[in-house]
Amino acid sequence: MGSSTLRIARLALYLVWTAGLMPVQGLGLILRRSWVSRLPCFYHRWCCRILGLRVRTIGVATAKRPALFVANHVSYADIEVLGSLLAASFVAKTDVARWPWFGWLAKLQRSVFVDRQVRSTRMQRDAIGERLGAGDALILFAEGTSGDGNRVLPFKSALFGAAEGRGAAAPIAVQPVSVAYTRLDGMPIGRLYRPFFAWYGAMQLAPHLWRMVGLGTIEAVVEFHPPTSFADCGTRKALAQYCHGRIAGGVAAALAGRPQPMPEPPDRAAGVAYPSAVAQTVNG
């Protein structure tokens, strides 16, 4: 399924594009340049174009910093999709740091690596909290693994404690973000074909990537839900539940092909106004 010629062309362009920008980002990190937080957005935006990912957004990403963007996880393609929209670093598993190529890219984007083990939860939470306390923006895949794209798995609430913001100069904005892969060459992707785009379970990375990049143009729908904060929710469990509810609803609506109304955030009563849902297309 798919075109081998298209696969070869896309992967060749991707490798050339990536290899050309890696030393630029590396030098910027060494010299502590401010643009190192923005260059990955530019890089991922063109990666989306090269790999045939068309990103449609609903809602608006918060401009507040520090910020923790909480998202569901479907595939390695989520990195390109979310990276094209957000000037932020990812929270990734420690295994990723040891991967050739992708591990180097993660380090160049200043990812925070966590091992997700219960015995080290406090250490990993503190590492995330330190970055947020410095005013950074991070992207957390709260399921702790990738799923099949048809539903959102339960969230691991332990790391949400980092959003409490101890030592942070400003309250940490927490924004749920839902990601769904909905169309291939303009046609809806059904449940049967979603594993062609979702990477999960025992799937091998190389064969899955080889198959996916030859399939055509894939539409990804990203919805930015109303942001909240640890203080508004009260506990890390309540914060995780709020994010899960918004993201699960966003994924279900995107897969059903209908827009989802922006839900009321916990602090609406405080008079905080959030932008209404506005759909737009980028990278297309």
Protein backbone atom coordinates (compact mmCIF):
# COMPACT_ATOMS: atom_id res chain seq x y z
CA MET A 1 0.00 0.00 0.00
CA GLY A 2 1.41 3.37 -1.00
CA SER A 3 4.13 4.52 -3.37
CA SER A 4 7.77 3.47 -2.96
CA THR A 5 8.87 6.40 -5.14
CA LEU A 6 7.04 8.81 -2.85
CA ARG A 7 8.59 7.16 0.21
CA ILE A 8 12.13 7.49 -1.12
CA ALA A 9 11.62 11.10 -2.19
CA ARG A 10 10.10 12.14 1.12
CA LEU A 11 12.66 10.40 3.27
CA ALA A 12 15.56 11.76 1.21
CA LEU A 13 14.25 15.32 1.54
CA TYR A 14 13.62 14.81 5.25
CA LEU A 15 17.15 13.54 5.87
CA VAL A 16 18.77 16.36 3.92
CA TRP A 17 16.59 19.01 5.61
CA THR A 18 17.23 17.60 9.08
CA ALA A 19 20.97 17.08 8.62
CA GLY A 20 21.29 20.67 7.43
CA LEU A 21 19.58 22.22 10.45
CA MET A 22 20.96 19.99 13.22
CA PRO A 23 24.35 21.76 13.41
CA VAL A 24 22.63 25.17 13.30
CA GLN A 25 20.49 24.30 16.32
CA GLY A 26 23.47 22.72 18.07
CA LEU A 27 25.59 25.85 17.59
CA GLY A 28 22.70 28.03 18.80
CA LEU A 29 22.46 25.98 22.00
CA ILE A 30 26.21 26.25 22.62
CA LEU A 31 26.10 30.02 22.10
CA ARG A 32 22.87 30.33 24.14
CA ARG A 33 20.98 32.13 21.37
CA SER A 34 17.33 33.04 21.98
CA TRP A 35 16.19 31.70 18.60
CA VAL A 36 16.87 28.07 19.58
CA SER A 37 13.33 27.90 20.98
CA ARG A 38 11.81 29.08 17.68
CA LEU A 39 13.93 27.25 15.11
CA PRO A 40 12.36 23.83 15.88
CA CYS A 41 8.92 25.24 14.91
CA PHE A 42 10.30 26.27 11.54
CA TYR A 43 11.99 22.89 11.17
CA HIS A 44 8.89 20.84 12.10
CA ARG A 45 6.64 22.95 9.87
CA TRP A 46 8.68 22.02 6.83
CA CYS A 47 8.96 18.41 7.98
CA CYS A 48 5.16 18.28 7.93
CA ARG A 49 5.15 19.55 4.36
CA ILE A 50 7.82 17.08 3.30
CA LEU A 51 6.15 14.07 4.95
CA GLY A 52 2.64 14.91 3.72
CA LEU A 53 1.14 16.01 7.05
CA ARG A 54 -1.54 18.69 6.71
CA VAL A 55 -2.33 20.25 10.09
CA ARG A 56 -5.71 21.83 10.84
CA THR A 57 -6.04 23.69 14.14
CA ILE A 58 -9.05 24.55 16.27
CA GLY A 59 -8.70 27.09 19.05
CA VAL A 60 -5.64 29.07 20.09
CA ALA A 61 -2.50 28.05 21.96
CA THR A 62 -1.99 30.02 25.16
CA ALA A 63 0.73 32.66 24.98
CA LYS A 64 1.27 32.53 28.75
CA ARG A 65 4.59 31.32 30.08
CA PRO A 66 5.42 29.10 31.79
CA ALA A 67 3.05 26.65 30.12
CA LEU A 68 2.44 22.92 30.16
CA PHE A 69 0.69 21.61 27.05
CA VAL A 70 -0.93 18.24 27.80
CA ALA A 71 -1.66 16.06 24.75
CA ASN A 72 -2.73 12.56 23.79
CA HIS A 73 -0.17 10.44 21.96
CA VAL A 74 -0.91 8.57 18.73
CA SER A 75 2.35 8.37 16.79
CA TYR A 76 5.87 9.69 16.31
CA ALA A 77 4.16 12.03 13.82
CA ASP A 78 2.77 13.90 16.86
CA ILE A 79 6.26 15.35 17.34
CA GLU A 80 6.20 16.97 13.90
CA VAL A 81 2.57 18.08 14.20
CA LEU A 82 2.79 19.65 17.66
CA GLY A 83 6.35 20.86 17.09
CA SER A 84 5.17 22.83 14.05
CA LEU A 85 2.66 24.72 16.20
CA LEU A 86 4.37 25.23 19.57
CA ALA A 87 7.71 26.75 20.53
CA ALA A 88 8.11 24.21 23.31
CA SER A 89 10.19 21.23 24.41
CA PHE A 90 8.84 17.71 24.82
CA VAL A 91 8.74 15.51 27.90
CA ALA A 92 10.05 12.16 26.60
CA LYS A 93 10.95 8.75 27.98
CA THR A 94 14.59 8.18 28.88
CA ASP A 95 14.75 5.44 26.23
CA VAL A 96 14.33 8.08 23.53
CA ALA A 97 17.57 9.79 24.59
CA ARG A 98 19.47 6.63 23.59
CA TRP A 99 17.87 6.28 20.17
CA PRO A 100 20.14 7.10 17.22
CA TRP A 101 19.01 10.11 15.18
CA PHE A 102 15.68 10.69 16.99
CA GLY A 103 17.44 10.86 20.34
CA TRP A 104 19.80 13.51 18.97
CA LEU A 105 16.85 15.51 17.68
CA ALA A 106 15.11 15.29 21.06
CA LYS A 107 18.21 16.59 22.81
CA LEU A 108 18.55 19.46 20.33
CA GLN A 109 15.00 20.49 21.22
CA ARG A 110 15.97 20.46 24.92
CA SER A 111 13.57 17.64 25.79
CA VAL A 112 13.10 16.63 29.41
CA PHE A 113 13.69 12.88 29.75
CA VAL A 114 11.73 10.88 32.34
CA ASP A 115 11.71 7.14 33.01
CA ARG A 116 8.08 6.96 34.24
CA GLN A 117 9.04 4.59 37.09
CA VAL A 118 7.18 5.04 40.36
CA ARG A 119 10.40 5.10 42.35
CA SER A 120 11.65 8.11 40.40
CA THR A 121 8.39 10.03 39.99
CA ARG A 122 9.38 12.75 42.41
CA MET A 123 12.73 13.27 40.68
CA GLN A 124 11.12 13.46 37.24
CA ARG A 125 8.37 15.78 38.50
CA ASP A 126 11.02 18.06 39.97
CA ALA A 127 12.94 18.07 36.65
CA ILE A 128 9.80 19.17 34.81
CA GLY A 129 8.99 21.69 37.53
CA GLU A 130 12.47 23.19 37.29
CA ARG A 131 12.03 23.87 33.57
CA LEU A 132 8.58 25.32 34.10
CA GLY A 133 9.90 27.41 36.95
CA ALA A 134 12.42 28.90 34.52
CA GLY A 135 9.53 30.12 32.36
CA ASP A 136 9.71 27.45 29.65
CA ALA A 137 6.91 25.72 27.72
CA LEU A 138 6.74 21.91 27.76
CA ILE A 139 4.61 19.32 25.94
CA LEU A 140 3.57 16.29 28.01
CA PHE A 141 2.07 13.12 26.53
CA ALA A 142 0.05 12.27 29.61
CA GLU A 143 -0.92 8.70 28.64
CA GLY A 144 2.69 7.63 29.12
CA THR A 145 2.57 5.66 25.85
CA SER A 146 1.02 5.91 22.38
CA GLY A 147 -2.43 4.56 21.60
CA ASP A 148 -4.35 3.30 18.57
CA GLY A 149 -5.82 6.71 17.76
CA ASN A 150 -9.42 5.59 18.33
CA ARG A 151 -9.58 6.60 21.99
CA VAL A 152 -7.58 8.34 24.70
CA LEU A 153 -5.93 6.12 27.30
CA PRO A 154 -6.05 6.97 31.04
CA PHE A 155 -3.64 9.71 32.07
CA LYS A 156 -0.73 9.23 34.45
CA SER A 157 -1.48 11.91 37.02
CA ALA A 158 1.80 11.76 38.96
CA LEU A 159 3.69 14.24 36.76
CA PHE A 160 0.84 16.77 36.89
CA GLY A 161 2.21 17.77 40.26
CA ALA A 162 4.90 19.71 38.41
CA ALA A 163 2.19 22.18 37.37
CA GLU A 164 1.79 23.28 40.98
CA GLY A 165 4.53 25.78 40.22
CA ARG A 166 6.53 25.89 43.41
CA GLY A 167 9.25 28.45 42.91
CA ALA A 168 7.81 29.67 39.60
CA ALA A 169 7.66 33.43 39.10
CA ALA A 170 4.17 33.17 37.55
CA PRO A 171 1.31 30.63 37.66
CA ILE A 172 1.78 27.76 35.21
CA ALA A 173 -0.82 27.65 32.44
CA VAL A 174 -1.94 24.09 31.69
CA GLN A 175 -3.59 23.63 28.29
CA PRO A 176 -5.12 20.37 27.02
CA VAL A 177 -4.39 19.67 23.34
CA SER A 178 -6.10 16.91 21.36
CA VAL A 179 -4.52 15.32 18.27
CA ALA A 180 -6.42 13.16 15.77
CA TYR A 181 -5.51 11.85 12.30
CA THR A 182 -8.72 12.11 10.32
CA ARG A 183 -8.26 12.06 6.54
CA LEU A 184 -6.04 10.55 3.86
CA ASP A 185 -6.02 12.43 0.56
CA GLY A 186 -9.28 14.08 1.62
CA MET A 187 -11.08 10.83 2.48
CA PRO A 188 -12.06 9.98 6.08
CA ILE A 189 -9.81 7.44 7.80
CA GLY A 190 -11.91 4.68 9.34
CA ARG A 191 -11.11 2.57 12.38
CA LEU A 192 -9.77 -0.23 10.17
CA TYR A 193 -7.07 1.95 8.58
CA ARG A 194 -6.07 4.05 11.60
CA PRO A 195 -3.21 1.65 12.54
CA PHE A 196 -1.49 2.80 9.33
CA PHE A 197 -0.98 6.15 11.12
CA ALA A 198 -1.01 5.20 14.81
CA TRP A 199 2.19 3.65 16.17
CA TYR A 200 1.63 1.61 19.32
CA GLY A 201 2.09 -1.73 21.03
CA ALA A 202 4.73 -4.00 19.49
CA MET A 203 4.86 -2.20 16.13
CA GLN A 204 8.39 -1.79 14.76
CA LEU A 205 9.33 1.82 14.02
CA ALA A 206 11.18 1.44 10.70
CA PRO A 207 8.54 -0.66 8.83
CA HIS A 208 5.73 1.52 10.15
CA LEU A 209 7.48 4.74 9.11
CA TRP A 210 8.31 3.32 5.67
CA ARG A 211 4.66 2.43 5.09
CA MET A 212 3.21 5.69 6.42
CA VAL A 213 5.34 8.13 4.40
CA GLY A 214 4.15 6.60 1.13
CA LEU A 215 0.43 6.92 1.78
CA GLY A 216 -0.32 10.41 0.50
CA THR A 217 -1.50 13.53 2.33
CA ILE A 218 -2.62 12.95 5.92
CA GLU A 219 -4.80 15.47 7.76
CA ALA A 220 -4.15 15.95 11.48
CA VAL A 221 -6.67 17.91 13.54
CA VAL A 222 -5.21 19.66 16.58
CA GLU A 223 -7.57 21.33 19.05
CA PHE A 224 -6.34 23.72 21.73
CA HIS A 225 -8.78 23.56 24.63
CA PRO A 226 -9.25 26.26 27.29
CA PRO A 227 -6.22 26.47 29.57
CA THR A 228 -6.46 26.08 33.32
CA SER A 229 -4.04 25.88 36.25
CA PHE A 230 -3.23 23.71 39.23
CA ALA A 231 -4.83 26.28 41.54
CA ASP A 232 -8.09 26.20 39.56
CA CYS A 233 -8.34 22.41 39.75
CA GLY A 234 -7.01 21.98 43.28
CA THR A 235 -5.27 18.60 42.95
CA ARG A 236 -3.14 16.84 40.36
CA LYS A 237 -5.87 14.18 39.97
CA ALA A 238 -8.51 16.82 39.23
CA LEU A 239 -6.14 18.54 36.81
CA ALA A 240 -5.50 15.24 35.01
CA GLN A 241 -9.25 14.55 34.83
CA TYR A 242 -9.95 17.98 33.39
CA CYS A 243 -7.30 17.54 30.69
CA HIS A 244 -8.42 13.98 29.89
CA GLY A 245 -12.06 15.01 29.55
CA ARG A 246 -11.28 17.87 27.17
CA ILE A 247 -8.84 15.83 25.08
CA ALA A 248 -11.08 12.74 24.85
CA GLY A 249 -13.94 14.95 23.71
CA GLY A 250 -11.76 16.68 21.14
CA VAL A 251 -10.50 13.41 19.67
CA ALA A 252 -14.01 11.93 19.49
CA ALA A 253 -15.35 15.06 17.78
CA ALA A 254 -12.50 15.16 15.25
CA LEU A 255 -12.89 11.48 14.35
CA ALA A 256 -16.65 11.99 13.95
CA GLY A 257 -15.99 14.89 11.60
CA ARG A 258 -17.71 17.57 13.65
CA PRO A 259 -16.26 20.55 15.54
CA GLN A 260 -16.47 20.51 19.31
CA PRO A 261 -17.70 23.58 21.23
CA MET A 262 -15.08 24.98 23.58
CA PRO A 263 -16.04 23.72 27.09
CA GLU A 264 -16.22 25.93 30.14
CA PRO A 265 -12.83 26.01 31.93
CA PRO A 266 -12.73 25.66 35.72
CA ASP A 267 -12.01 29.37 36.31
CA ARG A 268 -14.70 30.82 34.03
CA ALA A 269 -16.43 32.15 37.13
CA ALA A 270 -13.35 34.27 37.86
CA GLY A 271 -14.04 36.28 34.71
CA VAL A 272 -11.13 35.00 32.64
CA ALA A 273 -12.01 35.22 28.95
CA TYR A 274 -10.78 32.62 26.48
CA PRO A 275 -10.89 32.85 22.69
CA SER A 276 -13.71 31.09 20.89
CA ALA A 277 -12.91 28.10 18.72
CA VAL A 278 -11.66 29.18 15.34
CA ALA A 279 -10.58 26.59 12.78
CA GLN A 280 -7.69 27.30 10.48
CA THR A 281 -5.30 25.30 8.33
CA VAL A 282 -1.52 25.48 8.45
CA ASN A 283 1.26 23.55 6.77
CA GLY A 284 -1.07 22.93 3.86
